[in-house]
Structures are given as structure tokens and as C-alpha cells.
Amino acid sequence: MRTDRWTSTGWLPEDGEGCVGIEPVAAVGAQRPEPIALREPKRGILRAARLAVRRWVMAAQRLYYVRGLGMDIHPSAWFSLKVSFDRTHPRGVHIGPESYIAFGAVILTHDMTRGVYADTRIGERCFIGAHAIVLPGVRVGDGSIVGAGSVVTRDVPAGAIVAGNPARVVRKGIRTYRFGCLWDWEADGARHRGDS
């Protein structure tokens, strides 16, 4: 059982040693804050109105992409309004359920210099970071995360984090849930901080 206490600057050992310049906490037995996922979401009429408008605009844009251009975007997949999907070969874009594509990301399905027109597939529960570029013919496996600014030139295995230019596997064996969020991100953070 943990004998130290939570302060606004982090965990404070019970005896206060090893923490230079930090005053001991007056409240004995202070509880560790609950995880972010359990806290109440932000509320407010302006936020609700902005989200409603965003949903309406995204639904209109999705309708244009799916019905107008013939892209295969699952209804539960989300994307930023600033995403660039390839419109030269739009039928080659395939996005799986519960995936999210962040702002400035580019999903390509053609390469004019090589004369390539290929399907680019993004699996289930994936996250494509801001300003990432996914080249034509690449398959991003289920539950994978592509780091911001990455250039994905080869297939990404399922359950992997890739980053860099060209994108390389940084970590394997991850589990994600909706929109590519890490399943155990809080436990991971505690492990890196040395918490038990």
C-alpha cells in the first residue's frame, strides 16, 4: 500500500525526504486523483453548440466523400475537417470503424510519377496523427497509431505505433479502443513515473 501523498506537484513521500523545496502536505490520507477518463466532461452551451455545428459539417463532408466521390469511410470513423483525402483516385480510400484522422493528414491513393493507383487502407480503431502522410498502397493494421508528421511508406502491422520519416515501428503489442486511444495509457504513465 502506498504511504505517500498526492500534491499539486506530484507524489510526496511520507517522510518528505528526497523532495527538495517541497513542503509536506497538511492533509493526511489524501486520495490519488481519479483518472481523466472518469472525470466529468466539459460542459457548456457554447461547447454543445460548437460540437453540434461540427457534427453537421462533418456529416455533410462525409456525405460528399462517400456518395459524391465513392470513398469507403465507415460511419463511425471520424476525421478532421482539414484532412486531405486523395481526390484523383477517391475509390482507393478505405477507413475502418472507430478510426480518427487528425488535422493536416494526407491520405494518398495515387502516384503520378510512377503511374500507381492503389488502395490505401486504414484499419479499425486507428489514429493517424497531425500532418502525417500515408502513401498509396499502404495498409495500416487494426489498432495502430501513426505519429504526427510521419511519412508511412510501408504497411503498418496491427497493434503498433509508428513514427518518423520514413515511419518505423516504435512499439508493438499495443491495445487501442475508440479513435486509436491507448487502452492502458494511464497505467503506462504510472509505470514510467515509477508509481505502483
N, C-alpha and C. Protein backbone atom coordinates (compact mmCIF):
# COMPACT_ATOMS: atom_id res chain seq x y z
N MET A 1 0.84 -1.19 0.00
CA MET A 1 0.00 0.00 0.00
C MET A 1 0.87 1.24 0.00
N ARG A 2 0.42 2.23 -0.68
CA ARG A 2 1.17 3.46 -0.84
C ARG A 2 1.05 4.31 0.43
N THR A 3 2.18 4.81 0.96
CA THR A 3 2.15 5.62 2.18
C THR A 3 2.41 7.09 1.90
N ASP A 4 2.72 7.45 0.66
CA ASP A 4 2.96 8.85 0.36
C ASP A 4 1.66 9.52 -0.09
N ARG A 5 1.71 10.83 -0.27
CA ARG A 5 0.51 11.59 -0.57
C ARG A 5 0.64 12.35 -1.88
N TRP A 6 -0.52 12.67 -2.45
CA TRP A 6 -0.57 13.41 -3.70
C TRP A 6 -0.57 14.90 -3.41
N THR A 7 0.28 15.64 -4.14
CA THR A 7 0.28 17.10 -4.06
C THR A 7 0.05 17.63 -5.47
N SER A 8 -0.03 18.93 -5.58
CA SER A 8 -0.24 19.51 -6.91
C SER A 8 0.99 19.32 -7.81
N THR A 9 2.14 19.01 -7.20
CA THR A 9 3.36 18.80 -7.98
C THR A 9 3.70 17.33 -8.17
N GLY A 10 2.87 16.43 -7.63
CA GLY A 10 3.12 15.00 -7.80
C GLY A 10 3.06 14.27 -6.47
N TRP A 11 3.56 13.05 -6.43
CA TRP A 11 3.54 12.24 -5.22
C TRP A 11 4.63 12.68 -4.27
N LEU A 12 4.31 12.82 -3.00
CA LEU A 12 5.24 13.24 -1.97
C LEU A 12 5.43 12.08 -1.00
N PRO A 13 6.68 11.62 -0.80
CA PRO A 13 6.90 10.53 0.15
C PRO A 13 6.44 10.94 1.55
N GLU A 14 6.04 9.94 2.37
CA GLU A 14 5.52 10.19 3.70
C GLU A 14 6.48 10.99 4.57
N ASP A 15 7.77 10.67 4.51
CA ASP A 15 8.74 11.35 5.36
C ASP A 15 9.20 12.68 4.76
N GLY A 16 8.88 12.97 3.51
CA GLY A 16 9.24 14.23 2.89
C GLY A 16 10.69 14.29 2.41
N GLU A 17 11.47 13.23 2.62
CA GLU A 17 12.87 13.24 2.20
C GLU A 17 12.96 13.07 0.69
N GLY A 18 14.00 13.62 0.13
CA GLY A 18 14.24 13.47 -1.30
C GLY A 18 13.46 14.46 -2.14
N CYS A 19 12.71 15.34 -1.48
CA CYS A 19 11.92 16.33 -2.21
C CYS A 19 12.39 17.71 -1.79
N VAL A 20 13.40 18.21 -2.41
CA VAL A 20 13.97 19.50 -2.06
C VAL A 20 13.01 20.61 -2.48
N GLY A 21 12.72 21.52 -1.55
CA GLY A 21 11.90 22.68 -1.85
C GLY A 21 10.41 22.42 -1.89
N ILE A 22 9.95 21.24 -1.47
CA ILE A 22 8.52 20.95 -1.46
C ILE A 22 8.07 20.80 -0.02
N GLU A 23 7.04 21.54 0.35
CA GLU A 23 6.52 21.48 1.70
C GLU A 23 5.66 20.22 1.85
N PRO A 24 5.67 19.58 3.04
CA PRO A 24 4.79 18.43 3.25
C PRO A 24 3.32 18.85 3.15
N VAL A 25 2.49 17.94 2.74
CA VAL A 25 1.08 18.21 2.59
C VAL A 25 0.40 18.11 3.94
N ALA A 26 -0.51 19.05 4.23
CA ALA A 26 -1.17 19.07 5.52
C ALA A 26 -2.22 17.98 5.63
N ALA A 27 -2.93 17.70 4.56
CA ALA A 27 -4.00 16.71 4.61
C ALA A 27 -3.42 15.31 4.54
N VAL A 28 -3.55 14.59 5.65
CA VAL A 28 -3.06 13.21 5.69
C VAL A 28 -4.10 12.31 5.05
N GLY A 29 -3.65 11.37 4.27
CA GLY A 29 -4.55 10.42 3.64
C GLY A 29 -5.23 10.95 2.40
N ALA A 30 -4.65 11.96 1.76
CA ALA A 30 -5.23 12.50 0.53
C ALA A 30 -5.25 11.41 -0.53
N GLN A 31 -6.33 11.33 -1.26
CA GLN A 31 -6.51 10.29 -2.26
C GLN A 31 -5.87 10.68 -3.58
N ARG A 32 -5.43 9.68 -4.32
CA ARG A 32 -4.92 9.90 -5.65
C ARG A 32 -6.06 10.37 -6.54
N PRO A 33 -5.85 11.36 -7.41
CA PRO A 33 -6.95 11.83 -8.25
C PRO A 33 -7.44 10.73 -9.17
N GLU A 34 -8.73 10.78 -9.49
CA GLU A 34 -9.27 9.76 -10.37
C GLU A 34 -8.78 9.98 -11.79
N PRO A 35 -8.77 8.93 -12.60
CA PRO A 35 -8.27 9.05 -13.98
C PRO A 35 -9.08 10.07 -14.78
N ILE A 36 -8.44 10.60 -15.77
CA ILE A 36 -9.08 11.61 -16.63
C ILE A 36 -10.35 11.07 -17.26
N ALA A 37 -10.33 9.80 -17.65
CA ALA A 37 -11.48 9.21 -18.31
C ALA A 37 -12.71 9.16 -17.41
N LEU A 38 -12.49 9.17 -16.09
CA LEU A 38 -13.62 9.11 -15.16
C LEU A 38 -14.11 10.48 -14.73
N ARG A 39 -13.35 11.53 -14.99
CA ARG A 39 -13.78 12.88 -14.63
C ARG A 39 -14.94 13.32 -15.52
N GLU A 40 -15.69 14.28 -15.04
CA GLU A 40 -16.82 14.77 -15.83
C GLU A 40 -16.32 15.50 -17.07
N PRO A 41 -16.99 15.30 -18.20
CA PRO A 41 -16.58 16.01 -19.41
C PRO A 41 -16.90 17.49 -19.29
N LYS A 42 -16.26 18.28 -20.14
CA LYS A 42 -16.52 19.72 -20.16
C LYS A 42 -17.97 19.96 -20.59
N ARG A 43 -18.57 20.95 -19.98
CA ARG A 43 -19.96 21.25 -20.29
C ARG A 43 -20.09 22.72 -20.66
N GLY A 44 -21.20 23.08 -21.18
CA GLY A 44 -21.47 24.47 -21.52
C GLY A 44 -22.25 24.57 -22.81
N ILE A 45 -23.06 25.60 -22.88
CA ILE A 45 -23.93 25.76 -24.04
C ILE A 45 -23.13 26.09 -25.30
N LEU A 46 -22.07 26.88 -25.17
CA LEU A 46 -21.27 27.22 -26.35
C LEU A 46 -20.54 26.00 -26.88
N ARG A 47 -20.01 25.17 -25.97
CA ARG A 47 -19.33 23.95 -26.39
C ARG A 47 -20.30 23.00 -27.09
N ALA A 48 -21.50 22.87 -26.53
CA ALA A 48 -22.51 22.00 -27.13
C ALA A 48 -22.90 22.50 -28.52
N ALA A 49 -23.05 23.82 -28.66
CA ALA A 49 -23.42 24.38 -29.95
C ALA A 49 -22.30 24.18 -30.97
N ARG A 50 -21.05 24.40 -30.54
CA ARG A 50 -19.92 24.22 -31.45
C ARG A 50 -19.80 22.76 -31.90
N LEU A 51 -20.01 21.82 -30.98
CA LEU A 51 -19.94 20.41 -31.34
C LEU A 51 -21.08 20.01 -32.27
N ALA A 52 -22.26 20.58 -32.07
CA ALA A 52 -23.39 20.29 -32.96
C ALA A 52 -23.11 20.78 -34.38
N VAL A 53 -22.57 21.99 -34.50
CA VAL A 53 -22.22 22.52 -35.81
C VAL A 53 -21.14 21.67 -36.46
N ARG A 54 -20.14 21.26 -35.67
CA ARG A 54 -19.06 20.43 -36.20
C ARG A 54 -19.59 19.10 -36.72
N ARG A 55 -20.51 18.49 -35.96
CA ARG A 55 -21.09 17.21 -36.39
C ARG A 55 -21.85 17.39 -37.70
N TRP A 56 -22.59 18.49 -37.84
CA TRP A 56 -23.36 18.74 -39.04
C TRP A 56 -22.43 18.94 -40.24
N VAL A 57 -21.39 19.74 -40.07
CA VAL A 57 -20.44 19.99 -41.16
C VAL A 57 -19.71 18.69 -41.52
N MET A 58 -19.32 17.90 -40.51
CA MET A 58 -18.63 16.64 -40.78
C MET A 58 -19.54 15.66 -41.50
N ALA A 59 -20.83 15.64 -41.13
CA ALA A 59 -21.78 14.75 -41.81
C ALA A 59 -21.93 15.15 -43.28
N ALA A 60 -21.97 16.45 -43.54
CA ALA A 60 -22.07 16.92 -44.93
C ALA A 60 -20.81 16.56 -45.71
N GLN A 61 -19.66 16.74 -45.08
CA GLN A 61 -18.41 16.42 -45.76
C GLN A 61 -18.30 14.91 -46.00
N ARG A 62 -18.71 14.10 -45.00
CA ARG A 62 -18.69 12.64 -45.17
C ARG A 62 -19.61 12.23 -46.31
N LEU A 63 -20.78 12.84 -46.40
CA LEU A 63 -21.71 12.54 -47.48
C LEU A 63 -21.08 12.84 -48.84
N TYR A 64 -20.39 13.95 -48.94
CA TYR A 64 -19.69 14.31 -50.19
C TYR A 64 -18.62 13.28 -50.52
N TYR A 65 -17.82 12.90 -49.53
CA TYR A 65 -16.74 11.93 -49.77
C TYR A 65 -17.28 10.55 -50.15
N VAL A 66 -18.30 10.09 -49.43
CA VAL A 66 -18.80 8.72 -49.63
C VAL A 66 -19.71 8.63 -50.85
N ARG A 67 -20.72 9.49 -50.91
CA ARG A 67 -21.68 9.40 -52.02
C ARG A 67 -21.18 10.09 -53.28
N GLY A 68 -20.55 11.24 -53.11
CA GLY A 68 -20.10 12.00 -54.27
C GLY A 68 -18.85 11.44 -54.92
N LEU A 69 -17.85 11.12 -54.09
CA LEU A 69 -16.57 10.66 -54.64
C LEU A 69 -16.38 9.15 -54.58
N GLY A 70 -17.17 8.44 -53.79
CA GLY A 70 -17.08 6.98 -53.73
C GLY A 70 -16.04 6.44 -52.77
N MET A 71 -15.64 7.24 -51.79
CA MET A 71 -14.67 6.75 -50.79
C MET A 71 -15.37 5.80 -49.83
N ASP A 72 -14.59 4.89 -49.26
CA ASP A 72 -15.12 3.91 -48.30
C ASP A 72 -14.73 4.37 -46.89
N ILE A 73 -15.57 5.20 -46.29
CA ILE A 73 -15.33 5.70 -44.94
C ILE A 73 -16.44 5.18 -44.05
N HIS A 74 -16.07 4.40 -43.04
CA HIS A 74 -17.06 3.82 -42.13
C HIS A 74 -17.80 4.93 -41.38
N PRO A 75 -19.11 4.76 -41.13
CA PRO A 75 -19.88 5.80 -40.44
C PRO A 75 -19.36 6.16 -39.04
N SER A 76 -18.69 5.24 -38.36
CA SER A 76 -18.19 5.54 -37.01
C SER A 76 -16.78 6.12 -37.02
N ALA A 77 -16.16 6.25 -38.19
CA ALA A 77 -14.83 6.85 -38.29
C ALA A 77 -14.97 8.37 -38.29
N TRP A 78 -14.02 9.03 -37.64
CA TRP A 78 -14.01 10.50 -37.58
C TRP A 78 -12.76 11.01 -38.26
N PHE A 79 -12.84 12.21 -38.77
CA PHE A 79 -11.68 12.85 -39.38
C PHE A 79 -11.80 14.35 -39.17
N SER A 80 -10.66 15.01 -39.14
CA SER A 80 -10.66 16.45 -39.01
C SER A 80 -11.18 17.08 -40.30
N LEU A 81 -11.68 18.28 -40.17
CA LEU A 81 -12.19 18.97 -41.36
C LEU A 81 -11.05 19.43 -42.25
N LYS A 82 -9.80 19.36 -41.79
CA LYS A 82 -8.64 19.79 -42.57
C LYS A 82 -7.83 18.61 -43.12
N VAL A 83 -8.42 17.42 -43.16
CA VAL A 83 -7.75 16.25 -43.73
C VAL A 83 -7.78 16.34 -45.24
N SER A 84 -6.72 15.86 -45.89
CA SER A 84 -6.66 15.83 -47.35
C SER A 84 -6.73 14.38 -47.84
N PHE A 85 -7.89 14.00 -48.33
CA PHE A 85 -8.04 12.69 -48.96
C PHE A 85 -7.75 12.86 -50.44
N ASP A 86 -7.12 11.86 -51.04
CA ASP A 86 -6.77 11.92 -52.46
C ASP A 86 -8.04 11.91 -53.30
N ARG A 87 -8.19 12.90 -54.15
CA ARG A 87 -9.38 13.00 -54.99
C ARG A 87 -9.12 12.56 -56.43
N THR A 88 -7.86 12.20 -56.72
CA THR A 88 -7.55 11.70 -58.07
C THR A 88 -8.06 10.27 -58.23
N HIS A 89 -7.91 9.48 -57.17
CA HIS A 89 -8.40 8.09 -57.17
C HIS A 89 -9.17 7.89 -55.85
N PRO A 90 -10.34 8.53 -55.70
CA PRO A 90 -11.05 8.52 -54.43
C PRO A 90 -11.56 7.15 -53.99
N ARG A 91 -11.82 6.26 -54.95
CA ARG A 91 -12.32 4.93 -54.57
C ARG A 91 -11.26 4.08 -53.88
N GLY A 92 -10.04 4.55 -53.85
CA GLY A 92 -8.96 3.82 -53.20
C GLY A 92 -8.81 4.13 -51.72
N VAL A 93 -9.60 5.06 -51.18
CA VAL A 93 -9.54 5.42 -49.76
C VAL A 93 -10.49 4.51 -48.99
N HIS A 94 -9.95 3.77 -48.00
CA HIS A 94 -10.74 2.88 -47.15
C HIS A 94 -10.37 3.15 -45.70
N ILE A 95 -11.35 3.57 -44.90
CA ILE A 95 -11.12 3.87 -43.49
C ILE A 95 -12.06 3.02 -42.66
N GLY A 96 -11.49 2.27 -41.71
CA GLY A 96 -12.26 1.35 -40.88
C GLY A 96 -13.01 2.03 -39.75
N PRO A 97 -13.83 1.25 -39.05
CA PRO A 97 -14.64 1.80 -37.97
C PRO A 97 -13.81 2.30 -36.79
N GLU A 98 -14.32 3.34 -36.13
CA GLU A 98 -13.75 3.92 -34.91
C GLU A 98 -12.30 4.38 -35.08
N SER A 99 -11.95 4.83 -36.27
CA SER A 99 -10.62 5.39 -36.53
C SER A 99 -10.74 6.90 -36.57
N TYR A 100 -9.60 7.57 -36.32
CA TYR A 100 -9.59 9.03 -36.34
C TYR A 100 -8.38 9.50 -37.14
N ILE A 101 -8.61 10.49 -38.00
CA ILE A 101 -7.53 11.07 -38.79
C ILE A 101 -7.45 12.54 -38.40
N ALA A 102 -6.30 12.95 -37.86
CA ALA A 102 -6.12 14.29 -37.31
C ALA A 102 -5.89 15.32 -38.42
N PHE A 103 -5.90 16.59 -38.03
CA PHE A 103 -5.80 17.69 -38.98
C PHE A 103 -4.49 17.67 -39.77
N GLY A 104 -4.59 18.04 -41.01
CA GLY A 104 -3.42 18.14 -41.87
C GLY A 104 -2.90 16.82 -42.40
N ALA A 105 -3.49 15.71 -42.02
CA ALA A 105 -3.03 14.41 -42.51
C ALA A 105 -3.40 14.28 -43.99
N VAL A 106 -2.57 13.55 -44.73
CA VAL A 106 -2.78 13.35 -46.16
C VAL A 106 -2.84 11.86 -46.43
N ILE A 107 -3.94 11.41 -47.03
CA ILE A 107 -4.11 10.00 -47.40
C ILE A 107 -4.07 9.94 -48.92
N LEU A 108 -2.99 9.37 -49.46
CA LEU A 108 -2.79 9.32 -50.90
C LEU A 108 -3.17 7.94 -51.46
N THR A 109 -3.71 7.94 -52.69
CA THR A 109 -4.03 6.69 -53.36
C THR A 109 -3.45 6.63 -54.77
N HIS A 110 -2.69 7.65 -55.14
CA HIS A 110 -2.07 7.62 -56.46
C HIS A 110 -0.69 8.28 -56.40
N ASP A 111 0.16 7.88 -57.35
CA ASP A 111 1.49 8.47 -57.51
C ASP A 111 1.68 8.70 -59.01
N MET A 112 1.59 9.93 -59.43
CA MET A 112 1.67 10.24 -60.86
C MET A 112 3.03 9.94 -61.46
N THR A 113 4.11 10.07 -60.68
CA THR A 113 5.45 9.84 -61.23
C THR A 113 5.67 8.38 -61.60
N ARG A 114 5.08 7.47 -60.84
CA ARG A 114 5.24 6.04 -61.10
C ARG A 114 4.02 5.46 -61.80
N GLY A 115 2.97 6.25 -61.94
CA GLY A 115 1.75 5.75 -62.57
C GLY A 115 1.02 4.74 -61.71
N VAL A 116 1.09 4.89 -60.40
CA VAL A 116 0.49 3.95 -59.47
C VAL A 116 -0.86 4.47 -58.98
N TYR A 117 -1.87 3.62 -59.06
CA TYR A 117 -3.18 3.87 -58.48
C TYR A 117 -3.49 2.68 -57.60
N ALA A 118 -3.42 2.86 -56.29
CA ALA A 118 -3.56 1.73 -55.38
C ALA A 118 -4.47 2.10 -54.21
N ASP A 119 -5.09 1.07 -53.62
CA ASP A 119 -5.96 1.28 -52.46
C ASP A 119 -5.12 1.50 -51.21
N THR A 120 -5.49 2.51 -50.43
CA THR A 120 -4.85 2.78 -49.14
C THR A 120 -5.88 2.47 -48.07
N ARG A 121 -5.53 1.56 -47.16
CA ARG A 121 -6.48 1.09 -46.16
C ARG A 121 -6.01 1.44 -44.75
N ILE A 122 -6.94 1.98 -43.98
CA ILE A 122 -6.70 2.27 -42.57
C ILE A 122 -7.67 1.39 -41.79
N GLY A 123 -7.15 0.57 -40.88
CA GLY A 123 -7.94 -0.42 -40.18
C GLY A 123 -8.85 0.16 -39.10
N GLU A 124 -9.35 -0.74 -38.25
CA GLU A 124 -10.24 -0.37 -37.15
C GLU A 124 -9.45 0.23 -35.99
N ARG A 125 -10.07 1.19 -35.31
CA ARG A 125 -9.52 1.80 -34.09
C ARG A 125 -8.10 2.32 -34.28
N CYS A 126 -7.85 2.98 -35.39
CA CYS A 126 -6.52 3.55 -35.68
C CYS A 126 -6.53 5.05 -35.43
N PHE A 127 -5.34 5.60 -35.23
CA PHE A 127 -5.18 7.04 -35.10
C PHE A 127 -4.07 7.47 -36.05
N ILE A 128 -4.37 8.41 -36.91
CA ILE A 128 -3.39 8.98 -37.83
C ILE A 128 -3.11 10.39 -37.33
N GLY A 129 -1.87 10.66 -36.92
CA GLY A 129 -1.50 11.93 -36.31
C GLY A 129 -1.51 13.10 -37.27
N ALA A 130 -1.41 14.28 -36.69
CA ALA A 130 -1.45 15.53 -37.46
C ALA A 130 -0.31 15.59 -38.47
N HIS A 131 -0.61 16.01 -39.67
CA HIS A 131 0.35 16.22 -40.76
C HIS A 131 1.10 14.94 -41.16
N ALA A 132 0.53 13.77 -40.84
CA ALA A 132 1.12 12.51 -41.30
C ALA A 132 0.74 12.32 -42.77
N ILE A 133 1.60 11.61 -43.49
CA ILE A 133 1.34 11.31 -44.90
C ILE A 133 1.35 9.80 -45.06
N VAL A 134 0.25 9.26 -45.58
CA VAL A 134 0.15 7.82 -45.85
C VAL A 134 0.19 7.67 -47.36
N LEU A 135 1.23 7.00 -47.85
CA LEU A 135 1.44 6.87 -49.30
C LEU A 135 0.51 5.82 -49.91
N PRO A 136 0.35 5.82 -51.23
CA PRO A 136 -0.57 4.89 -51.88
C PRO A 136 -0.18 3.43 -51.70
N GLY A 137 -1.21 2.58 -51.53
CA GLY A 137 -0.99 1.15 -51.42
C GLY A 137 -0.62 0.69 -50.02
N VAL A 138 -0.58 1.58 -49.05
CA VAL A 138 -0.19 1.22 -47.69
C VAL A 138 -1.41 0.73 -46.93
N ARG A 139 -1.20 -0.26 -46.09
CA ARG A 139 -2.25 -0.79 -45.23
C ARG A 139 -1.83 -0.55 -43.78
N VAL A 140 -2.64 0.22 -43.04
CA VAL A 140 -2.40 0.46 -41.62
C VAL A 140 -3.25 -0.55 -40.87
N GLY A 141 -2.59 -1.43 -40.10
CA GLY A 141 -3.28 -2.52 -39.41
C GLY A 141 -4.21 -2.04 -38.31
N ASP A 142 -5.13 -2.91 -37.89
CA ASP A 142 -6.09 -2.59 -36.84
C ASP A 142 -5.37 -2.20 -35.56
N GLY A 143 -5.90 -1.18 -34.89
CA GLY A 143 -5.38 -0.77 -33.59
C GLY A 143 -4.00 -0.15 -33.63
N SER A 144 -3.63 0.48 -34.73
CA SER A 144 -2.29 1.08 -34.86
C SER A 144 -2.37 2.60 -34.71
N ILE A 145 -1.23 3.18 -34.36
CA ILE A 145 -1.12 4.62 -34.21
C ILE A 145 0.02 5.12 -35.09
N VAL A 146 -0.25 6.14 -35.90
CA VAL A 146 0.76 6.76 -36.74
C VAL A 146 1.07 8.12 -36.12
N GLY A 147 2.32 8.35 -35.76
CA GLY A 147 2.72 9.58 -35.10
C GLY A 147 2.58 10.80 -35.99
N ALA A 148 2.50 11.95 -35.35
CA ALA A 148 2.36 13.21 -36.08
C ALA A 148 3.57 13.46 -36.97
N GLY A 149 3.34 13.91 -38.19
CA GLY A 149 4.40 14.24 -39.12
C GLY A 149 5.10 13.05 -39.74
N SER A 150 4.60 11.86 -39.52
CA SER A 150 5.23 10.65 -40.08
C SER A 150 4.91 10.51 -41.56
N VAL A 151 5.82 9.86 -42.27
CA VAL A 151 5.59 9.52 -43.67
C VAL A 151 5.58 8.00 -43.76
N VAL A 152 4.39 7.44 -43.96
CA VAL A 152 4.22 5.99 -43.96
C VAL A 152 4.43 5.48 -45.38
N THR A 153 5.53 4.75 -45.57
CA THR A 153 5.87 4.25 -46.90
C THR A 153 5.61 2.75 -47.05
N ARG A 154 5.49 2.05 -45.92
CA ARG A 154 5.26 0.60 -45.93
C ARG A 154 4.09 0.26 -45.03
N ASP A 155 3.59 -0.98 -45.15
CA ASP A 155 2.48 -1.43 -44.32
C ASP A 155 2.83 -1.35 -42.84
N VAL A 156 1.83 -1.01 -42.03
CA VAL A 156 1.98 -0.93 -40.58
C VAL A 156 1.31 -2.15 -39.98
N PRO A 157 2.04 -2.93 -39.15
CA PRO A 157 1.41 -4.12 -38.55
C PRO A 157 0.32 -3.72 -37.56
N ALA A 158 -0.58 -4.64 -37.29
CA ALA A 158 -1.65 -4.39 -36.33
C ALA A 158 -1.06 -4.21 -34.93
N GLY A 159 -1.63 -3.30 -34.17
CA GLY A 159 -1.20 -3.08 -32.79
C GLY A 159 0.19 -2.50 -32.66
N ALA A 160 0.55 -1.54 -33.51
CA ALA A 160 1.89 -0.95 -33.47
C ALA A 160 1.80 0.57 -33.50
N ILE A 161 2.84 1.20 -32.95
CA ILE A 161 2.99 2.65 -33.05
C ILE A 161 4.15 2.89 -34.00
N VAL A 162 3.92 3.72 -35.04
CA VAL A 162 4.98 4.06 -35.97
C VAL A 162 5.18 5.57 -35.96
N ALA A 163 6.41 5.99 -36.20
CA ALA A 163 6.71 7.42 -36.24
C ALA A 163 7.96 7.64 -37.06
N GLY A 164 8.12 8.85 -37.55
CA GLY A 164 9.33 9.22 -38.27
C GLY A 164 9.14 9.34 -39.76
N ASN A 165 10.25 9.68 -40.43
CA ASN A 165 10.27 9.80 -41.88
C ASN A 165 11.49 9.07 -42.40
N PRO A 166 11.35 7.90 -43.00
CA PRO A 166 10.12 7.12 -43.15
C PRO A 166 9.68 6.51 -41.82
N ALA A 167 8.40 6.21 -41.70
CA ALA A 167 7.84 5.70 -40.44
C ALA A 167 8.43 4.34 -40.11
N ARG A 168 8.87 4.21 -38.87
CA ARG A 168 9.40 2.95 -38.35
C ARG A 168 8.62 2.56 -37.11
N VAL A 169 8.57 1.26 -36.84
CA VAL A 169 7.85 0.77 -35.67
C VAL A 169 8.59 1.20 -34.41
N VAL A 170 7.87 1.91 -33.54
CA VAL A 170 8.44 2.37 -32.27
C VAL A 170 8.05 1.41 -31.15
N ARG A 171 6.85 0.87 -31.25
CA ARG A 171 6.36 -0.02 -30.20
C ARG A 171 5.36 -1.00 -30.81
N LYS A 172 5.36 -2.23 -30.31
CA LYS A 172 4.44 -3.26 -30.79
C LYS A 172 3.59 -3.75 -29.63
N GLY A 173 2.53 -4.44 -29.96
CA GLY A 173 1.69 -5.09 -28.96
C GLY A 173 0.81 -4.14 -28.16
N ILE A 174 0.40 -3.03 -28.74
CA ILE A 174 -0.47 -2.10 -28.02
C ILE A 174 -1.93 -2.49 -28.24
N ARG A 175 -2.77 -2.05 -27.33
CA ARG A 175 -4.21 -2.23 -27.48
C ARG A 175 -4.84 -0.85 -27.51
N THR A 176 -5.76 -0.65 -28.44
CA THR A 176 -6.43 0.63 -28.55
C THR A 176 -7.93 0.42 -28.46
N TYR A 177 -8.61 1.50 -28.13
CA TYR A 177 -10.06 1.48 -28.21
C TYR A 177 -10.48 2.61 -29.13
N ARG A 178 -11.67 3.12 -28.99
CA ARG A 178 -12.23 4.08 -29.93
C ARG A 178 -11.27 5.20 -30.30
N PHE A 179 -11.14 5.47 -31.59
CA PHE A 179 -10.31 6.52 -32.18
C PHE A 179 -8.83 6.33 -31.90
N GLY A 180 -8.39 5.10 -31.68
CA GLY A 180 -6.97 4.82 -31.52
C GLY A 180 -6.38 5.23 -30.19
N CYS A 181 -7.21 5.47 -29.18
CA CYS A 181 -6.69 5.81 -27.85
C CYS A 181 -6.09 4.56 -27.22
N LEU A 182 -4.94 4.74 -26.57
CA LEU A 182 -4.30 3.60 -25.92
C LEU A 182 -5.18 3.08 -24.80
N TRP A 183 -5.31 1.76 -24.71
CA TRP A 183 -6.17 1.13 -23.73
C TRP A 183 -5.66 1.37 -22.31
N ASP A 184 -4.38 1.24 -22.10
CA ASP A 184 -3.81 1.33 -20.75
C ASP A 184 -2.83 2.50 -20.63
N TRP A 185 -3.17 3.65 -21.17
CA TRP A 185 -2.25 4.79 -21.18
C TRP A 185 -1.96 5.32 -19.79
N GLU A 186 -2.93 5.27 -18.87
CA GLU A 186 -2.68 5.76 -17.53
C GLU A 186 -1.74 4.83 -16.77
N ALA A 187 -1.91 3.52 -16.95
CA ALA A 187 -1.02 2.56 -16.30
C ALA A 187 0.38 2.69 -16.86
N ASP A 188 0.47 2.96 -18.18
CA ASP A 188 1.77 3.16 -18.81
C ASP A 188 2.49 4.37 -18.22
N GLY A 189 1.74 5.46 -18.06
CA GLY A 189 2.33 6.67 -17.50
C GLY A 189 2.81 6.46 -16.07
N ALA A 190 2.04 5.70 -15.28
CA ALA A 190 2.43 5.42 -13.90
C ALA A 190 3.70 4.57 -13.88
N ARG A 191 3.81 3.64 -14.80
CA ARG A 191 4.97 2.78 -14.85
C ARG A 191 6.22 3.60 -15.18
N HIS A 192 6.08 4.58 -16.10
CA HIS A 192 7.22 5.42 -16.46
C HIS A 192 7.60 6.40 -15.35
N ARG A 193 6.61 6.82 -14.54
CA ARG A 193 6.89 7.73 -13.44
C ARG A 193 7.42 6.99 -12.21
N GLY A 194 7.25 5.68 -12.16
CA GLY A 194 7.70 4.89 -11.02
C GLY A 194 6.62 4.68 -9.97
N ASP A 195 5.36 5.04 -10.29
CA ASP A 195 4.26 4.79 -9.37
C ASP A 195 3.95 3.31 -9.36
N SER A 196 3.28 2.85 -8.31
CA SER A 196 2.88 1.45 -8.28
C SER A 196 1.42 1.30 -8.51
